[in-house]
Structure formats: structure tokens, C-alpha cells
Amino acid sequence: MTAQRSIMGIVGAGVLALVLYCFAPTYAADLGEDDVNKAVQATIAERSKDGAFVFHDPKLDADLNLVYEQIKIVRGMEGYGWFANVIFHDKDNDQKKYAIDFWYKPEGDKLTLMDIRVQKGPKQEGDSWIMITRMPVAWWWLPVQEHPGDMEVTRAWQVMAAIHNYIATNKDQNGNLPIKDDKTGETLPLQFVEIHQPVRHLKKDGEYFVCTDFRKPGSTDEYYDIDFWVNQKSGKLEVDNVKIHKVPVQQDGVWTQEPRYTFDGMDFDVTN
């Protein structure tokens, strides 16, 4: 049902990226763009209060109260799901616009919401407002001029997708990911913030590992650096270990991070 598209819209640091791919997913014959549009509208309705869509932005650790404008584009990535880019504006200022990505995965004849992320946010320039791309860019915007079915080597965005899928499917009822602290034995519920690049590949073991940011729920400054280790032994990228790399410590009233281990002695290369 999805026709070939040319997508323009990632503007950041003065750079315009053309995303020239589009593929028609083959999950189920009865799921398509119309179903994604309906799922987006249902999600917005479920999470709206007093006429505004309420979205807790993990990057800012703040609730955004947004007014829906339009679904700009819907893309399907075979094996990964559907991605709707939706335009909103701030409830109190219609010039402050946001582009929000809604990620859905099909499960049978239904679409399950996996995550919602800000793709672009408002920035004031003089008396007007523009939208700028939030960095780091979500993995589903990275496969520029690539088709997932045609790749001969594992790409960084595919490793990031496996990690994000693990996070989305293992969250607790409060939306936090339970992570066991190997040092204390305690299980910590942490709020996912973002996935970092680069993606590193261990030459000896063949595993990939990626650093991510998580925050202690209820805190604005207590950040954890969490490393995800991903293998491809079964032919599919799967998270097989999650380690706390850095923990928040307070020094002179300021929260910093203290490393539990380093990467010294590890022989790795960077996956693009």
C-alpha cells in the first residue's frame, strides 16, 4: 500500500540529508498506512489531556503539552516496523513546532506502540521559531540510500535497532528498564534517554557494544552510562548482556559519572 517516497527533512547543523529509500513491508496484507494513521490518532487521543497531547520528553525530562497538526509521513521498514513522523505545536505557542516519531510494530493484525521520540524541536531565531533536528538522530533515520534486504554487512543502525527493540520490549509498567547492578546485586529501574554512536565491534569475539544514557526516575541529574552487548551468533542481532559502565556520584553538590570499567586492552573497530 505504501508507494515509493522521497523523504526530505533531516536538517541539523546546516546539513540536509536526503533519505531516498522506501520499502513496502510484508508483515500482513491487511496492515498499511491507514492502519498506522489510525494507531497514531488513537495514541494521541489516549494520551491527551485538556486538548493537548502530553508527552514526557526523556531528553529534557519534561512533559510537553502539544497540539496535533498533521501526520507528515509514514514509512515502513521491513522487519523493523512502521514509523510515523507527526507535526505538533506547543499548546501555548503555535509557532513552536515539533516533529515527533511514533514507532509501531505489527503483532498479528494489530500495531503495538514501541516508542515515541522527538525528531525535531523548536529553536528561536529572532522573533520567529524554526525546527532543528535533535541529536543524536534516531536509528530509523540513518539508513540513507540503503535497503535493509540488500545489505551484505551489519550496519550500525541495525545494531542500534536491536538494542532499542530490547529496551522497548523489556520495559516495566512505568516505562523504565530494569537493569541489574552486578556490583551491588540490586535491580535498578532506569529511564531510557538515548543511544550513542559509535557502534563498536570486537574483533576477537565478533560482538558489538554500544553506550547508552539512562536516568534515575525522578532525577534530573543522575545519569547512568549503560553498555549493551549484541551478538549475531544465531544470524539475528540479539542483546546478550547489559552492563553498567558508569554510575552517578555527587561531588561538591554536582552529579558526575564514575566508571566501573574501561575499554583498555579491547581490540575493536567502529561499525558505520
C-alpha atoms as a PDB file:
ATOM      1  CA  MET A   1       0.000   0.000   0.000  1.00  0.00           C
ATOM      2  CA  THR A   2       2.996   2.251   0.524  1.00  0.00           C
ATOM      3  CA  ALA A   3       4.247   3.921  -2.630  1.00  0.00           C
ATOM      4  CA  GLN A   4       7.875   4.817  -3.215  1.00  0.00           C
ATOM      5  CA  ARG A   5       8.761   8.014  -1.415  1.00  0.00           C
ATOM      6  CA  SER A   6      11.472  10.613  -1.407  1.00  0.00           C
ATOM      7  CA  ILE A   7      11.875  11.921   2.116  1.00  0.00           C
ATOM      8  CA  MET A   8      13.419  15.232   2.950  1.00  0.00           C
ATOM      9  CA  GLY A   9      13.520  16.553   6.381  1.00  0.00           C
ATOM     10  CA  ILE A  10      16.608  15.909   8.486  1.00  0.00           C
ATOM     11  CA  VAL A  11      18.051  19.351   8.971  1.00  0.00           C
ATOM     12  CA  GLY A  12      20.805  19.730  11.515  1.00  0.00           C
ATOM     13  CA  ALA A  13      23.953  21.820  11.808  1.00  0.00           C
ATOM     14  CA  GLY A  14      23.222  23.225   8.374  1.00  0.00           C
ATOM     15  CA  VAL A  15      23.191  19.809   6.725  1.00  0.00           C
ATOM     16  CA  LEU A  16      20.319  18.474   4.638  1.00  0.00           C
ATOM     17  CA  ALA A  17      20.162  14.681   4.347  1.00  0.00           C
ATOM     18  CA  LEU A  18      18.106  13.033   1.606  1.00  0.00           C
ATOM     19  CA  VAL A  19      16.547   9.778   2.611  1.00  0.00           C
ATOM     20  CA  LEU A  20      15.842   8.086  -0.704  1.00  0.00           C
ATOM     21  CA  TYR A  21      14.612   4.697   0.324  1.00  0.00           C
ATOM     22  CA  CYS A  22      11.214   3.252   0.896  1.00  0.00           C
ATOM     23  CA  PHE A  23      10.036  -0.288   1.098  1.00  0.00           C
ATOM     24  CA  ALA A  24       6.664  -1.911   1.325  1.00  0.00           C
ATOM     25  CA  PRO A  25       6.531  -4.080   4.455  1.00  0.00           C
ATOM     26  CA  THR A  26       5.168  -7.568   4.094  1.00  0.00           C
ATOM     27  CA  TYR A  27       4.068  -8.229   7.677  1.00  0.00           C
ATOM     28  CA  ALA A  28       0.376  -8.677   6.960  1.00  0.00           C
ATOM     29  CA  ALA A  29      -1.696  -7.957   3.912  1.00  0.00           C
ATOM     30  CA  ASP A  30      -4.303  -6.100   5.989  1.00  0.00           C
ATOM     31  CA  LEU A  31      -1.911  -3.633   7.630  1.00  0.00           C
ATOM     32  CA  GLY A  32      -0.822  -0.454   5.906  1.00  0.00           C
ATOM     33  CA  GLU A  33      -0.554   3.322   6.148  1.00  0.00           C
ATOM     34  CA  ASP A  34      -4.219   3.760   7.003  1.00  0.00           C
ATOM     35  CA  ASP A  35      -3.784   1.459   9.990  1.00  0.00           C
ATOM     36  CA  VAL A  36      -0.719   3.392  11.135  1.00  0.00           C
ATOM     37  CA  ASN A  37      -2.608   6.680  10.808  1.00  0.00           C
ATOM     38  CA  LYS A  38      -5.433   5.267  12.946  1.00  0.00           C
ATOM     39  CA  ALA A  39      -2.938   3.945  15.503  1.00  0.00           C
ATOM     40  CA  VAL A  40      -1.314   7.392  15.775  1.00  0.00           C
ATOM     41  CA  GLN A  41      -4.679   9.078  16.260  1.00  0.00           C
ATOM     42  CA  ALA A  42      -5.614   6.512  18.924  1.00  0.00           C
ATOM     43  CA  THR A  43      -2.319   7.033  20.761  1.00  0.00           C
ATOM     44  CA  ILE A  44      -2.769  10.799  20.718  1.00  0.00           C
ATOM     45  CA  ALA A  45      -6.342  10.502  21.996  1.00  0.00           C
ATOM     46  CA  GLU A  46      -5.328   8.129  24.799  1.00  0.00           C
ATOM     47  CA  ARG A  47      -2.550  10.431  25.981  1.00  0.00           C
ATOM     48  CA  SER A  48      -4.304  13.775  25.631  1.00  0.00           C
ATOM     49  CA  LYS A  49      -5.492  15.959  28.474  1.00  0.00           C
ATOM     50  CA  ASP A  50      -7.328  19.281  28.263  1.00  0.00           C
ATOM     51  CA  GLY A  51      -6.948  19.343  24.482  1.00  0.00           C
ATOM     52  CA  ALA A  52      -3.211  18.650  24.408  1.00  0.00           C
ATOM     53  CA  PHE A  53      -1.151  15.549  23.717  1.00  0.00           C
ATOM     54  CA  VAL A  54       1.049  15.007  26.780  1.00  0.00           C
ATOM     55  CA  PHE A  55       4.452  13.523  26.003  1.00  0.00           C
ATOM     56  CA  HIS A  56       7.209  13.132  28.557  1.00  0.00           C
ATOM     57  CA  ASP A  57      10.412  14.044  26.732  1.00  0.00           C
ATOM     58  CA  PRO A  58      13.191  11.899  28.236  1.00  0.00           C
ATOM     59  CA  LYS A  59      15.896  14.168  26.829  1.00  0.00           C
ATOM     60  CA  LEU A  60      14.519  17.257  28.590  1.00  0.00           C
ATOM     61  CA  ASP A  61      12.919  15.260  31.402  1.00  0.00           C
ATOM     62  CA  ALA A  62       9.815  17.395  30.972  1.00  0.00           C
ATOM     63  CA  ASP A  63       6.205  16.963  29.895  1.00  0.00           C
ATOM     64  CA  LEU A  64       5.418  18.557  26.544  1.00  0.00           C
ATOM     65  CA  ASN A  65       1.832  19.691  26.019  1.00  0.00           C
ATOM     66  CA  LEU A  66       1.339  19.582  22.267  1.00  0.00           C
ATOM     67  CA  VAL A  67      -1.436  20.246  19.783  1.00  0.00           C
ATOM     68  CA  TYR A  68      -1.677  17.906  16.810  1.00  0.00           C
ATOM     69  CA  GLU A  69      -1.310  19.387  13.313  1.00  0.00           C
ATOM     70  CA  GLN A  70      -0.691  16.608  10.811  1.00  0.00           C
ATOM     71  CA  ILE A  71       0.942  13.278  10.048  1.00  0.00           C
ATOM     72  CA  LYS A  72       3.758  14.343   7.755  1.00  0.00           C
ATOM     73  CA  ILE A  73       4.865  10.938   6.512  1.00  0.00           C
ATOM     74  CA  VAL A  74       4.574   7.234   7.269  1.00  0.00           C
ATOM     75  CA  ARG A  75       7.411   4.842   6.413  1.00  0.00           C
ATOM     76  CA  GLY A  76       7.622   1.092   6.669  1.00  0.00           C
ATOM     77  CA  MET A  77      10.898  -0.769   7.196  1.00  0.00           C
ATOM     78  CA  GLU A  78      10.623  -4.484   6.633  1.00  0.00           C
ATOM     79  CA  GLY A  79      11.461  -6.387   9.768  1.00  0.00           C
ATOM     80  CA  TYR A  80      11.521  -3.253  11.904  1.00  0.00           C
ATOM     81  CA  GLY A  81       8.041  -1.780  11.814  1.00  0.00           C
ATOM     82  CA  TRP A  82       6.280   1.426  10.878  1.00  0.00           C
ATOM     83  CA  PHE A  83       7.423   4.976  11.600  1.00  0.00           C
ATOM     84  CA  ALA A  84       5.070   7.945  11.536  1.00  0.00           C
ATOM     85  CA  ASN A  85       6.528  11.449  11.622  1.00  0.00           C
ATOM     86  CA  VAL A  86       3.914  13.733  13.167  1.00  0.00           C
ATOM     87  CA  ILE A  87       3.867  17.526  13.425  1.00  0.00           C
ATOM     88  CA  PHE A  88       2.673  19.226  16.619  1.00  0.00           C
ATOM     89  CA  HIS A  89       2.917  22.702  18.092  1.00  0.00           C
ATOM     90  CA  ASP A  90       3.232  23.839  21.681  1.00  0.00           C
ATOM     91  CA  LYS A  91      -0.120  24.350  23.381  1.00  0.00           C
ATOM     92  CA  ASP A  92       0.808  27.887  24.437  1.00  0.00           C
ATOM     93  CA  ASN A  93       2.697  28.943  21.302  1.00  0.00           C
ATOM     94  CA  ASP A  94       1.665  27.702  17.861  1.00  0.00           C
ATOM     95  CA  GLN A  95       4.982  28.888  16.397  1.00  0.00           C
ATOM     96  CA  LYS A  96       6.956  26.362  18.472  1.00  0.00           C
ATOM     97  CA  LYS A  97       6.649  23.215  16.396  1.00  0.00           C
ATOM     98  CA  TYR A  98       7.828  19.661  16.998  1.00  0.00           C
ATOM     99  CA  ALA A  99       8.290  16.675  14.697  1.00  0.00           C
ATOM    100  CA  ILE A 100       7.607  13.537  16.718  1.00  0.00           C
ATOM    101  CA  ASP A 101       8.322   9.966  15.576  1.00  0.00           C
ATOM    102  CA  PHE A 102       5.897   7.188  16.528  1.00  0.00           C
ATOM    103  CA  TRP A 103       7.332   3.672  16.173  1.00  0.00           C
ATOM    104  CA  TYR A 104       4.899   0.768  15.794  1.00  0.00           C
ATOM    105  CA  LYS A 105       5.498  -2.932  15.237  1.00  0.00           C
ATOM    106  CA  PRO A 106       2.867  -5.318  13.876  1.00  0.00           C
ATOM    107  CA  GLU A 107       1.739  -8.157  16.108  1.00  0.00           C
ATOM    108  CA  GLY A 108      -0.748 -10.288  14.232  1.00  0.00           C
ATOM    109  CA  ASP A 109      -3.432  -7.938  12.990  1.00  0.00           C
ATOM    110  CA  LYS A 110      -2.548  -5.151  15.462  1.00  0.00           C
ATOM    111  CA  LEU A 111       0.080  -2.442  15.730  1.00  0.00           C
ATOM    112  CA  THR A 112       1.956  -2.172  19.021  1.00  0.00           C
ATOM    113  CA  LEU A 113       3.475   1.151  20.038  1.00  0.00           C
ATOM    114  CA  MET A 114       7.184   0.630  20.719  1.00  0.00           C
ATOM    115  CA  ASP A 115       8.378   4.160  21.412  1.00  0.00           C
ATOM    116  CA  ILE A 116       7.861   7.860  20.779  1.00  0.00           C
ATOM    117  CA  ARG A 117      10.866  10.108  20.163  1.00  0.00           C
ATOM    118  CA  VAL A 118      11.396  13.764  19.275  1.00  0.00           C
ATOM    119  CA  GLN A 119      12.938  14.077  15.812  1.00  0.00           C
ATOM    120  CA  LYS A 120      12.925  17.889  15.659  1.00  0.00           C
ATOM    121  CA  GLY A 121      12.344  20.548  18.260  1.00  0.00           C
ATOM    122  CA  PRO A 122      11.814  24.323  18.215  1.00  0.00           C
ATOM    123  CA  LYS A 123      14.599  26.890  18.320  1.00  0.00           C
ATOM    124  CA  GLN A 124      14.084  30.633  18.421  1.00  0.00           C
ATOM    125  CA  GLU A 125      15.757  32.816  15.798  1.00  0.00           C
ATOM    126  CA  GLY A 126      14.989  36.456  16.369  1.00  0.00           C
ATOM    127  CA  ASP A 127      11.226  36.870  16.517  1.00  0.00           C
ATOM    128  CA  SER A 128      10.479  33.546  14.811  1.00  0.00           C
ATOM    129  CA  TRP A 129      10.875  29.836  15.559  1.00  0.00           C
ATOM    130  CA  ILE A 130      12.409  27.097  13.431  1.00  0.00           C
ATOM    131  CA  MET A 131      12.632  23.332  13.877  1.00  0.00           C
ATOM    132  CA  ILE A 132      16.071  21.770  14.252  1.00  0.00           C
ATOM    133  CA  THR A 133      16.975  18.097  14.244  1.00  0.00           C
ATOM    134  CA  ARG A 134      17.655  16.645  17.647  1.00  0.00           C
ATOM    135  CA  MET A 135      20.942  14.847  18.021  1.00  0.00           C
ATOM    136  CA  PRO A 136      21.765  12.041  18.102  1.00  0.00           C
ATOM    137  CA  VAL A 137      19.470  11.088  15.242  1.00  0.00           C
ATOM    138  CA  ALA A 138      17.249   8.063  15.880  1.00  0.00           C
ATOM    139  CA  TRP A 139      18.465   4.897  14.167  1.00  0.00           C
ATOM    140  CA  TRP A 140      15.483   4.734  11.790  1.00  0.00           C
ATOM    141  CA  TRP A 141      16.709   7.910  10.073  1.00  0.00           C
ATOM    142  CA  LEU A 142      20.223   6.546   9.482  1.00  0.00           C
ATOM    143  CA  PRO A 143      19.892   4.064   6.582  1.00  0.00           C
ATOM    144  CA  VAL A 144      20.319   6.735   3.903  1.00  0.00           C
ATOM    145  CA  GLN A 145      20.112   5.240   0.393  1.00  0.00           C
ATOM    146  CA  GLU A 146      20.118   1.752   1.854  1.00  0.00           C
ATOM    147  CA  HIS A 147      17.627  -1.091   1.663  1.00  0.00           C
ATOM    148  CA  PRO A 148      17.731  -3.451   4.660  1.00  0.00           C
ATOM    149  CA  GLY A 149      17.278  -6.503   2.462  1.00  0.00           C
ATOM    150  CA  ASP A 150      20.289  -5.691   0.317  1.00  0.00           C
ATOM    151  CA  MET A 151      22.938  -5.309   2.989  1.00  0.00           C
ATOM    152  CA  GLU A 152      25.908  -7.673   2.985  1.00  0.00           C
ATOM    153  CA  VAL A 153      27.409  -6.382   6.215  1.00  0.00           C
ATOM    154  CA  THR A 154      25.892  -5.416   9.539  1.00  0.00           C
ATOM    155  CA  ARG A 155      25.323  -1.701   9.802  1.00  0.00           C
ATOM    156  CA  ALA A 156      25.431   0.464  12.929  1.00  0.00           C
ATOM    157  CA  TRP A 157      21.739   1.343  12.728  1.00  0.00           C
ATOM    158  CA  GLN A 158      20.815  -2.361  12.726  1.00  0.00           C
ATOM    159  CA  VAL A 159      22.722  -2.893  15.986  1.00  0.00           C
ATOM    160  CA  MET A 160      21.043   0.193  17.443  1.00  0.00           C
ATOM    161  CA  ALA A 161      17.662  -1.128  16.319  1.00  0.00           C
ATOM    162  CA  ALA A 162      18.263  -4.419  18.147  1.00  0.00           C
ATOM    163  CA  ILE A 163      19.120  -2.517  21.333  1.00  0.00           C
ATOM    164  CA  HIS A 164      16.122  -0.201  21.068  1.00  0.00           C
ATOM    165  CA  ASN A 165      13.849  -3.181  20.452  1.00  0.00           C
ATOM    166  CA  TYR A 166      15.256  -4.867  23.581  1.00  0.00           C
ATOM    167  CA  ILE A 167      14.607  -1.738  25.637  1.00  0.00           C
ATOM    168  CA  ALA A 168      11.088  -1.290  24.277  1.00  0.00           C
ATOM    169  CA  THR A 169      10.070  -4.903  24.862  1.00  0.00           C
ATOM    170  CA  ASN A 170      11.571  -5.211  28.358  1.00  0.00           C
ATOM    171  CA  LYS A 171      10.255  -2.029  29.968  1.00  0.00           C
ATOM    172  CA  ASP A 172       8.259  -2.313  33.165  1.00  0.00           C
ATOM    173  CA  GLN A 173       4.758  -0.927  33.650  1.00  0.00           C
ATOM    174  CA  ASN A 174       6.213   2.502  34.428  1.00  0.00           C
ATOM    175  CA  GLY A 175       8.210   2.598  31.208  1.00  0.00           C
ATOM    176  CA  ASN A 176      11.576   2.002  32.903  1.00  0.00           C
ATOM    177  CA  LEU A 177      14.086  -0.704  32.044  1.00  0.00           C
ATOM    178  CA  PRO A 178      15.096  -2.923  34.995  1.00  0.00           C
ATOM    179  CA  ILE A 179      18.890  -3.271  34.959  1.00  0.00           C
ATOM    180  CA  LYS A 180      20.811  -5.437  37.413  1.00  0.00           C
ATOM    181  CA  ASP A 181      23.806  -3.869  39.100  1.00  0.00           C
ATOM    182  CA  ASP A 182      26.461  -6.608  39.075  1.00  0.00           C
ATOM    183  CA  LYS A 183      28.389  -4.862  41.855  1.00  0.00           C
ATOM    184  CA  THR A 184      25.560  -4.440  44.379  1.00  0.00           C
ATOM    185  CA  GLY A 185      23.147  -7.131  43.167  1.00  0.00           C
ATOM    186  CA  GLU A 186      20.380  -4.527  43.124  1.00  0.00           C
ATOM    187  CA  THR A 187      17.966  -4.229  40.185  1.00  0.00           C
ATOM    188  CA  LEU A 188      17.636  -0.597  39.119  1.00  0.00           C
ATOM    189  CA  PRO A 189      14.604   0.681  37.155  1.00  0.00           C
ATOM    190  CA  LEU A 190      16.086   3.287  34.802  1.00  0.00           C
ATOM    191  CA  GLN A 191      14.566   5.688  32.282  1.00  0.00           C
ATOM    192  CA  PHE A 192      15.911   5.382  28.747  1.00  0.00           C
ATOM    193  CA  VAL A 193      17.217   8.652  27.297  1.00  0.00           C
ATOM    194  CA  GLU A 194      19.191   7.902  24.131  1.00  0.00           C
ATOM    195  CA  ILE A 195      21.558   5.606  22.232  1.00  0.00           C
ATOM    196  CA  HIS A 196      25.013   6.897  21.395  1.00  0.00           C
ATOM    197  CA  GLN A 197      27.255   6.363  18.422  1.00  0.00           C
ATOM    198  CA  PRO A 198      29.711   4.963  17.543  1.00  0.00           C
ATOM    199  CA  VAL A 199      28.830   1.286  17.441  1.00  0.00           C
ATOM    200  CA  ARG A 200      31.950  -0.744  18.249  1.00  0.00           C
ATOM    201  CA  HIS A 201      32.748  -4.255  17.056  1.00  0.00           C
ATOM    202  CA  LEU A 202      35.101  -6.544  18.964  1.00  0.00           C
ATOM    203  CA  LYS A 203      37.487  -8.148  16.503  1.00  0.00           C
ATOM    204  CA  LYS A 204      38.117 -11.261  18.602  1.00  0.00           C
ATOM    205  CA  ASP A 205      34.621 -12.185  19.804  1.00  0.00           C
ATOM    206  CA  GLY A 206      32.636 -10.613  16.985  1.00  0.00           C
ATOM    207  CA  GLU A 207      30.299  -8.893  19.438  1.00  0.00           C
ATOM    208  CA  TYR A 208      29.053  -5.323  19.138  1.00  0.00           C
ATOM    209  CA  PHE A 209      28.739  -2.939  22.036  1.00  0.00           C
ATOM    210  CA  VAL A 210      27.066   0.444  22.306  1.00  0.00           C
ATOM    211  CA  CYS A 211      26.892   3.080  25.046  1.00  0.00           C
ATOM    212  CA  THR A 212      23.517   4.481  26.077  1.00  0.00           C
ATOM    213  CA  ASP A 213      22.227   7.083  28.505  1.00  0.00           C
ATOM    214  CA  PHE A 214      19.693   6.242  31.209  1.00  0.00           C
ATOM    215  CA  ARG A 215      18.430   8.396  34.063  1.00  0.00           C
ATOM    216  CA  LYS A 216      17.264   7.559  37.560  1.00  0.00           C
ATOM    217  CA  PRO A 217      13.475   8.127  37.549  1.00  0.00           C
ATOM    218  CA  GLY A 218      12.553  11.312  39.365  1.00  0.00           C
ATOM    219  CA  SER A 219      16.025  12.781  38.996  1.00  0.00           C
ATOM    220  CA  THR A 220      17.215  15.376  36.508  1.00  0.00           C
ATOM    221  CA  ASP A 221      20.950  14.864  37.009  1.00  0.00           C
ATOM    222  CA  GLU A 222      21.591  11.235  37.997  1.00  0.00           C
ATOM    223  CA  TYR A 223      22.661   9.607  34.742  1.00  0.00           C
ATOM    224  CA  TYR A 224      23.892   6.070  34.153  1.00  0.00           C
ATOM    225  CA  ASP A 225      26.030   5.041  31.193  1.00  0.00           C
ATOM    226  CA  ILE A 226      24.762   1.589  30.214  1.00  0.00           C
ATOM    227  CA  ASP A 227      26.590  -0.636  27.727  1.00  0.00           C
ATOM    228  CA  PHE A 228      24.650  -3.088  25.597  1.00  0.00           C
ATOM    229  CA  TRP A 229      26.450  -6.099  24.151  1.00  0.00           C
ATOM    230  CA  VAL A 230      24.963  -7.585  20.998  1.00  0.00           C
ATOM    231  CA  ASN A 231      25.858 -10.828  19.214  1.00  0.00           C
ATOM    232  CA  GLN A 232      24.855 -12.313  15.903  1.00  0.00           C
ATOM    233  CA  LYS A 233      25.561 -15.988  16.591  1.00  0.00           C
ATOM    234  CA  SER A 234      22.083 -17.122  15.576  1.00  0.00           C
ATOM    235  CA  GLY A 235      22.131 -14.993  12.425  1.00  0.00           C
ATOM    236  CA  LYS A 236      19.996 -12.400  14.189  1.00  0.00           C
ATOM    237  CA  LEU A 237      21.219  -9.457  16.214  1.00  0.00           C
ATOM    238  CA  GLU A 238      20.353 -10.052  19.865  1.00  0.00           C
ATOM    239  CA  VAL A 239      21.254  -8.329  23.117  1.00  0.00           C
ATOM    240  CA  ASP A 240      23.018 -10.872  25.323  1.00  0.00           C
ATOM    241  CA  ASN A 241      24.457  -8.651  28.058  1.00  0.00           C
ATOM    242  CA  VAL A 242      23.697  -5.321  29.694  1.00  0.00           C
ATOM    243  CA  LYS A 243      26.377  -3.723  31.884  1.00  0.00           C
ATOM    244  CA  ILE A 244      26.525  -0.610  33.994  1.00  0.00           C
ATOM    245  CA  HIS A 245      29.537   1.268  32.664  1.00  0.00           C
ATOM    246  CA  LYS A 246      29.279   4.489  34.679  1.00  0.00           C
ATOM    247  CA  VAL A 247      27.265   5.384  37.769  1.00  0.00           C
ATOM    248  CA  PRO A 248      26.216   8.813  39.056  1.00  0.00           C
ATOM    249  CA  VAL A 249      28.185  10.173  42.008  1.00  0.00           C
ATOM    250  CA  GLN A 250      27.796  13.522  43.691  1.00  0.00           C
ATOM    251  CA  GLN A 251      30.884  15.648  44.194  1.00  0.00           C
ATOM    252  CA  ASP A 252      30.655  19.084  45.792  1.00  0.00           C
ATOM    253  CA  GLY A 253      26.937  19.178  45.100  1.00  0.00           C
ATOM    254  CA  VAL A 254      27.344  18.315  41.404  1.00  0.00           C
ATOM    255  CA  TRP A 255      26.404  14.973  39.839  1.00  0.00           C
ATOM    256  CA  THR A 256      29.116  13.389  37.708  1.00  0.00           C
ATOM    257  CA  GLN A 257      29.729   9.853  36.433  1.00  0.00           C
ATOM    258  CA  GLU A 258      32.233   7.361  37.804  1.00  0.00           C
ATOM    259  CA  PRO A 259      33.326   4.485  35.521  1.00  0.00           C
ATOM    260  CA  ARG A 260      33.125   0.888  36.690  1.00  0.00           C
ATOM    261  CA  TYR A 261      35.479  -0.328  33.961  1.00  0.00           C
ATOM    262  CA  THR A 262      37.364   0.899  30.896  1.00  0.00           C
ATOM    263  CA  PHE A 263      37.855  -0.344  27.348  1.00  0.00           C
ATOM    264  CA  ASP A 264      41.630  -0.536  27.714  1.00  0.00           C
ATOM    265  CA  GLY A 265      43.075  -3.600  26.014  1.00  0.00           C
ATOM    266  CA  MET A 266      39.971  -4.250  23.911  1.00  0.00           C
ATOM    267  CA  ASP A 267      40.686  -4.629  20.197  1.00  0.00           C
ATOM    268  CA  PHE A 268      37.724  -3.217  18.319  1.00  0.00           C
ATOM    269  CA  ASP A 269      36.771  -1.300  15.226  1.00  0.00           C
ATOM    270  CA  VAL A 270      33.901   1.080  14.550  1.00  0.00           C
ATOM    271  CA  THR A 271      30.839  -0.071  12.624  1.00  0.00           C
ATOM    272  CA  ASN A 272      29.312   2.514  10.298  1.00  0.00           C
END
